[in-house]
Amino acid sequence: MHHSRRTFLKNSALAVAAAGILPAESLAVFKKRAIVGLQLYTVREDMKSDPSGTLKKVADMGYRYVEHANYVNHEFYGYAPKDFKSLLDSLQLKMLSGHVRFGPGDWDEGKKDFSDSWRQTVEDAAVVGQQYVISPWLDETWRQNYDQLLGYMDVFNKNGQLCKQHGMKFGYHNHDFEFSTVLNNKKLYDIILQRTDPALVMQQLDMGNLYNGGAVAAGIVLQYPGRFESMHVKDEILAASPTSQTGQEKYESTILGEGIVNTRQVCDLGKKSGGTHYYIIEQEAYQGKDPLDCSKADLDIMKNWGYR
């Protein structure tokens, strides 16, 4: 199903109304309390220079949940897993999810098994108290053709089984290419959603990234009800100087409510029909503002919207 911005804006009122109509068996999923956290990539430079001090500032703002974006050499921001868990505990912070790329080096195609390093990654995530191990990327070599991609979606499901052994789920986080890349007449994101088992693989919808792929977050939530246990909460504006990993991104993130995403509406749709109970604030561009100040402003806005 194609969701252009024009189509979505024209039919948004009908879409919101439709979101209130849910199968009875799905309602239990949506009754979980909403949890608001901060993706620490938002304050990446501060975390690089002073992780413990930065986490204290984040906690003092009122955050109780964080999501990591720095797991290197089996350490979180330079801390061994047990030590990082102790630091979080001392600040009354929980880290229920984290981003770590799952790529070719983590899966042995010949042996049809995970590398020892990846197994350690999953174990370390359990040590710090995560519920989700989320890959924020799909390696380019895994998305060259349709049959190849289907094979790696099976690997994603196996990853979910591995994580389940430690009381967690595997997860995938979108960027933009999933909505602009087509294989076998299907968008990459449709293939991912249709070929991963929701019981094993959660989807974390980044409501900002997808704009650069020509998609609209609310339309995706309505297309796949109940599939988004977590969202990256963002807003987007036209970038003054478009730059990215691909060099093609027109939009950059900004303070919530100041851009084009209709962020509050997407959050509400997530609560009503998306199955969402983790709302992870992430801002990657700041328009001259301090990242810590942006983090505080974004949290205050979410609280004003009723997300606490």
Protein backbone atom coordinates (compact mmCIF):
# COMPACT_ATOMS: atom_id res chain seq x y z
CA MET A 1 0.00 0.00 0.00
CA HIS A 2 1.41 3.37 -0.97
CA HIS A 3 1.01 6.30 1.41
CA SER A 4 1.97 9.64 -0.14
CA ARG A 5 1.93 12.78 1.99
CA ARG A 6 -0.82 14.23 -0.20
CA THR A 7 -3.04 11.20 0.22
CA PHE A 8 -2.42 11.06 3.94
CA LEU A 9 -3.15 14.72 4.58
CA LYS A 10 -6.33 14.49 2.53
CA ASN A 11 -7.61 11.50 4.46
CA SER A 12 -6.08 12.01 7.90
CA ALA A 13 -9.40 12.56 9.66
CA LEU A 14 -10.75 9.28 8.33
CA ALA A 15 -7.52 7.53 9.22
CA VAL A 16 -7.66 8.64 12.84
CA ALA A 17 -11.26 7.52 13.10
CA ALA A 18 -10.37 4.14 11.64
CA ALA A 19 -7.63 3.72 14.20
CA GLY A 20 -10.23 3.44 16.94
CA ILE A 21 -11.66 0.25 15.44
CA LEU A 22 -9.59 -2.67 16.66
CA PRO A 23 -10.05 -6.43 16.90
CA ALA A 24 -11.04 -7.36 20.46
CA GLU A 25 -8.13 -9.78 20.77
CA SER A 26 -5.69 -6.91 20.11
CA LEU A 27 -6.92 -4.62 22.88
CA ALA A 28 -4.81 -6.20 25.62
CA VAL A 29 -1.64 -5.16 23.79
CA PHE A 30 -2.61 -1.50 23.90
CA LYS A 31 -3.40 -1.30 27.63
CA LYS A 32 0.25 -1.29 28.71
CA ARG A 33 1.46 1.90 30.30
CA ALA A 34 3.30 4.23 27.96
CA ILE A 35 7.00 4.53 28.77
CA VAL A 36 8.98 7.55 27.58
CA GLY A 37 12.75 7.31 27.20
CA LEU A 38 15.69 9.07 25.58
CA GLN A 39 17.83 7.64 22.81
CA LEU A 40 21.30 8.57 24.02
CA TYR A 41 22.41 9.30 20.46
CA THR A 42 20.59 12.59 21.07
CA VAL A 43 23.38 13.56 23.48
CA ARG A 44 26.12 11.53 21.81
CA GLU A 45 28.94 14.07 22.19
CA ASP A 46 28.15 14.56 25.89
CA MET A 47 28.05 10.78 26.38
CA LYS A 48 31.40 10.49 24.64
CA SER A 49 33.11 12.99 26.92
CA ASP A 50 31.31 12.32 30.23
CA PRO A 51 28.89 9.39 30.21
CA SER A 52 28.20 9.28 33.94
CA GLY A 53 27.75 13.05 34.24
CA THR A 54 25.52 13.15 31.19
CA LEU A 55 23.34 10.33 32.47
CA LYS A 56 22.92 12.20 35.75
CA LYS A 57 21.77 15.30 33.86
CA VAL A 58 19.34 13.15 31.86
CA ALA A 59 17.97 11.65 35.07
CA ASP A 60 17.68 15.09 36.68
CA MET A 61 15.55 16.22 33.72
CA GLY A 62 13.00 13.57 34.67
CA TYR A 63 13.91 10.74 32.33
CA ARG A 64 13.65 7.27 33.84
CA TYR A 65 14.41 5.25 30.72
CA VAL A 66 17.22 5.46 28.17
CA GLU A 67 18.19 3.59 25.02
CA HIS A 68 21.84 3.13 24.15
CA ALA A 69 23.58 3.69 20.82
CA ASN A 70 27.13 2.79 21.82
CA TYR A 71 28.14 -0.80 22.35
CA VAL A 72 31.75 -1.25 21.31
CA ASN A 73 34.08 -4.14 22.15
CA HIS A 74 31.40 -5.54 24.45
CA GLU A 75 31.23 -2.37 26.51
CA PHE A 76 28.52 0.27 26.88
CA TYR A 77 30.05 3.74 26.62
CA GLY A 78 33.33 2.28 27.89
CA TYR A 79 31.74 0.39 30.80
CA ALA A 80 31.56 -3.36 31.25
CA PRO A 81 27.90 -4.50 31.21
CA LYS A 82 27.65 -5.07 34.99
CA ASP A 83 29.32 -1.73 35.70
CA PHE A 84 27.03 0.13 33.33
CA LYS A 85 24.01 -1.54 34.95
CA SER A 86 25.29 -0.37 38.35
CA LEU A 87 25.68 3.19 37.03
CA LEU A 88 22.14 3.17 35.67
CA ASP A 89 20.78 1.77 38.93
CA SER A 90 22.55 4.47 40.95
CA LEU A 91 20.69 7.08 38.89
CA GLN A 92 17.36 5.21 38.96
CA LEU A 93 17.53 4.74 35.19
CA LYS A 94 16.47 1.67 33.23
CA MET A 95 17.72 0.73 29.79
CA LEU A 96 15.11 -1.49 28.20
CA SER A 97 16.50 -1.36 24.67
CA GLY A 98 19.62 -0.58 22.73
CA HIS A 99 20.94 -0.27 19.19
CA VAL A 100 23.66 -2.53 17.84
CA ARG A 101 24.08 -3.40 14.19
CA PHE A 102 23.51 -7.02 13.30
CA GLY A 103 25.51 -7.66 10.15
CA PRO A 104 27.33 -10.25 8.04
CA GLY A 105 30.06 -10.75 10.62
CA ASP A 106 27.47 -11.83 13.16
CA TRP A 107 26.03 -14.70 11.11
CA ASP A 108 28.04 -17.58 9.68
CA GLU A 109 26.24 -18.54 6.49
CA GLY A 110 28.29 -21.71 6.13
CA LYS A 111 27.55 -22.97 9.65
CA LYS A 112 24.06 -21.42 9.70
CA ASP A 113 24.77 -20.09 13.14
CA PHE A 114 25.52 -16.89 15.04
CA SER A 115 29.06 -15.82 15.81
CA ASP A 116 30.34 -16.11 19.36
CA SER A 117 30.66 -12.33 19.39
CA TRP A 118 26.97 -11.86 18.59
CA ARG A 119 25.95 -14.37 21.24
CA GLN A 120 28.01 -12.33 23.72
CA THR A 121 26.25 -9.19 22.53
CA VAL A 122 22.89 -10.71 23.36
CA GLU A 123 24.10 -11.92 26.74
CA ASP A 124 25.48 -8.46 27.59
CA ALA A 125 22.14 -6.88 26.69
CA ALA A 126 20.45 -9.20 29.17
CA VAL A 127 22.96 -8.27 31.87
CA VAL A 128 22.09 -4.55 31.65
CA GLY A 129 18.38 -5.31 31.78
CA GLN A 130 17.31 -4.87 28.17
CA GLN A 131 14.06 -6.26 26.83
CA TYR A 132 14.97 -5.57 23.22
CA VAL A 133 18.14 -5.95 21.15
CA ILE A 134 17.54 -3.67 18.17
CA SER A 135 19.46 -3.57 14.91
CA PRO A 136 19.21 -0.09 13.35
CA TRP A 137 20.47 -1.19 9.96
CA LEU A 138 20.07 -3.84 7.27
CA ASP A 139 23.37 -4.49 5.57
CA GLU A 140 23.42 -3.64 1.87
CA THR A 141 24.71 -7.09 0.98
CA TRP A 142 21.54 -8.59 2.48
CA ARG A 143 19.14 -6.60 0.31
CA GLN A 144 20.42 -7.14 -3.20
CA ASN A 145 17.60 -9.42 -4.33
CA TYR A 146 14.27 -10.72 -3.10
CA ASP A 147 15.18 -14.34 -2.35
CA GLN A 148 18.32 -13.27 -0.51
CA LEU A 149 16.34 -10.89 1.67
CA LEU A 150 13.80 -13.59 2.52
CA GLY A 151 16.65 -15.77 3.72
CA TYR A 152 17.88 -13.08 6.07
CA MET A 153 14.39 -12.47 7.40
CA ASP A 154 14.52 -16.11 8.49
CA VAL A 155 17.79 -15.23 10.23
CA PHE A 156 16.02 -12.32 11.94
CA ASN A 157 13.45 -14.78 13.29
CA LYS A 158 16.26 -17.05 14.49
CA ASN A 159 17.75 -14.01 16.20
CA GLY A 160 14.43 -13.56 17.95
CA GLN A 161 14.64 -17.14 19.17
CA LEU A 162 18.17 -16.51 20.45
CA CYS A 163 17.07 -13.37 22.30
CA LYS A 164 14.03 -15.21 23.70
CA GLN A 165 16.39 -17.60 25.48
CA HIS A 166 17.53 -14.58 27.51
CA GLY A 167 14.04 -13.15 28.08
CA MET A 168 14.28 -10.56 25.29
CA LYS A 169 13.16 -9.92 21.72
CA PHE A 170 15.17 -9.01 18.66
CA GLY A 171 14.15 -5.77 16.99
CA TYR A 172 14.56 -3.79 13.79
CA HIS A 173 14.69 -0.01 13.45
CA ASN A 174 14.02 1.63 10.08
CA HIS A 175 15.82 4.38 8.24
CA ASP A 176 14.62 5.61 4.84
CA PHE A 177 15.84 3.07 2.27
CA GLU A 178 13.25 0.54 3.41
CA PHE A 179 10.53 2.69 1.84
CA SER A 180 12.31 3.66 -1.38
CA THR A 181 13.85 0.28 -2.25
CA VAL A 182 11.66 -2.17 -4.17
CA LEU A 183 12.35 -5.89 -4.65
CA ASN A 184 9.99 -8.16 -6.56
CA ASN A 185 7.48 -5.28 -6.76
CA LYS A 186 7.41 -4.94 -2.98
CA LYS A 187 8.86 -2.23 -0.80
CA LEU A 188 11.62 -3.45 1.45
CA TYR A 189 9.69 -2.48 4.56
CA ASP A 190 6.66 -4.49 3.50
CA ILE A 191 8.87 -7.54 3.06
CA ILE A 192 10.42 -7.03 6.50
CA LEU A 193 7.04 -6.66 8.21
CA GLN A 194 5.48 -9.56 6.37
CA ARG A 195 8.37 -11.99 6.83
CA THR A 196 9.28 -11.46 10.48
CA ASP A 197 7.40 -13.15 13.31
CA PRO A 198 5.90 -10.50 15.65
CA ALA A 199 6.33 -12.89 18.57
CA LEU A 200 10.09 -12.92 18.02
CA VAL A 201 10.97 -9.69 16.18
CA MET A 202 9.66 -6.32 17.25
CA GLN A 203 9.57 -3.28 15.00
CA GLN A 204 10.73 0.10 16.24
CA LEU A 205 9.21 2.69 13.93
CA ASP A 206 11.33 5.78 13.44
CA MET A 207 8.65 8.29 12.53
CA GLY A 208 11.21 10.80 11.28
CA ASN A 209 13.65 8.73 9.22
CA LEU A 210 10.97 7.41 6.89
CA TYR A 211 10.15 10.87 5.54
CA ASN A 212 13.35 10.77 3.54
CA GLY A 213 12.08 7.57 1.95
CA GLY A 214 8.81 9.16 0.88
CA ALA A 215 6.61 7.53 3.53
CA VAL A 216 4.30 8.93 6.21
CA ALA A 217 4.42 7.43 9.70
CA ALA A 218 0.69 7.51 10.42
CA GLY A 219 -0.06 5.64 7.23
CA ILE A 220 2.46 2.93 8.11
CA VAL A 221 0.98 2.51 11.60
CA LEU A 222 -2.48 2.06 10.10
CA GLN A 223 -1.19 -0.34 7.49
CA TYR A 224 0.39 -2.60 10.13
CA PRO A 225 -1.71 -2.33 13.32
CA GLY A 226 -0.19 -3.79 16.44
CA ARG A 227 3.33 -4.15 15.02
CA PHE A 228 5.17 -1.25 16.64
CA GLU A 229 6.02 -1.98 20.26
CA SER A 230 8.43 0.94 20.22
CA MET A 231 8.70 4.21 18.34
CA HIS A 232 11.44 6.76 17.90
CA VAL A 233 9.61 9.99 18.58
CA LYS A 234 10.83 12.72 16.25
CA ASP A 235 9.83 15.76 14.29
CA GLU A 236 11.37 16.84 11.00
CA ILE A 237 12.04 20.05 9.10
CA LEU A 238 13.70 20.75 5.77
CA ALA A 239 17.45 20.66 6.28
CA ALA A 240 19.36 23.82 5.49
CA SER A 241 22.27 21.72 4.18
CA PRO A 242 21.10 18.17 3.46
CA THR A 243 23.71 15.64 4.55
CA SER A 244 23.47 12.01 5.62
CA GLN A 245 25.08 8.62 5.24
CA THR A 246 23.66 8.56 1.72
CA GLY A 247 23.93 12.29 1.08
CA GLN A 248 20.29 12.44 0.02
CA GLU A 249 18.30 13.33 3.14
CA LYS A 250 16.12 16.41 2.71
CA TYR A 251 14.89 16.50 6.31
CA GLU A 252 16.51 16.75 9.70
CA SER A 253 15.08 16.40 13.18
CA THR A 254 13.98 19.26 15.37
CA ILE A 255 12.08 20.04 18.59
CA LEU A 256 8.87 18.03 18.81
CA GLY A 257 5.82 19.81 17.43
CA GLU A 258 7.80 22.25 15.30
CA GLY A 259 8.00 20.22 12.10
CA ILE A 260 5.96 18.26 9.58
CA VAL A 261 5.61 14.83 11.18
CA ASN A 262 2.45 15.49 13.23
CA THR A 263 4.36 13.79 16.03
CA ARG A 264 1.59 13.87 18.63
CA GLN A 265 -0.88 12.32 16.21
CA VAL A 266 1.55 9.51 15.36
CA CYS A 267 2.15 8.83 19.07
CA ASP A 268 -1.59 8.70 19.67
CA LEU A 269 -2.08 6.36 16.73
CA GLY A 270 0.66 4.17 18.16
CA LYS A 271 -1.23 4.01 21.44
CA LYS A 272 -4.59 3.33 19.77
CA SER A 273 -3.67 0.91 17.02
CA GLY A 274 0.08 0.48 16.80
CA GLY A 275 0.63 -1.58 19.92
CA THR A 276 3.16 0.99 21.07
CA HIS A 277 4.20 1.30 24.70
CA TYR A 278 7.81 2.51 24.39
CA TYR A 279 8.22 6.07 23.11
CA ILE A 280 11.90 6.86 22.65
CA ILE A 281 12.68 10.52 22.07
CA GLU A 282 15.49 11.11 19.60
CA GLN A 283 16.74 14.37 18.15
CA GLU A 284 19.80 14.28 15.90
CA ALA A 285 19.96 17.91 14.72
CA TYR A 286 19.51 20.95 16.93
CA GLN A 287 19.41 24.17 14.85
CA GLY A 288 22.01 25.79 17.08
CA LYS A 289 20.52 24.64 20.39
CA ASP A 290 22.28 22.54 23.00
CA PRO A 291 21.40 18.83 22.72
CA LEU A 292 20.76 18.54 26.47
CA ASP A 293 18.41 21.54 26.33
CA CYS A 294 16.60 19.92 23.40
CA SER A 295 16.26 16.68 25.35
CA LYS A 296 14.62 18.53 28.24
CA ALA A 297 12.31 20.48 25.94
CA ASP A 298 11.25 17.33 24.10
CA LEU A 299 10.46 15.54 27.36
CA ASP A 300 8.40 18.48 28.62
CA ILE A 301 6.43 18.48 25.36
CA MET A 302 5.74 14.76 25.63
CA LYS A 303 4.52 15.27 29.20
CA ASN A 304 2.20 18.04 28.04
CA TRP A 305 0.81 15.59 25.48
CA GLY A 306 0.03 13.16 28.29
CA TYR A 307 3.05 10.83 27.89
CA ARG A 308 4.89 10.45 31.20
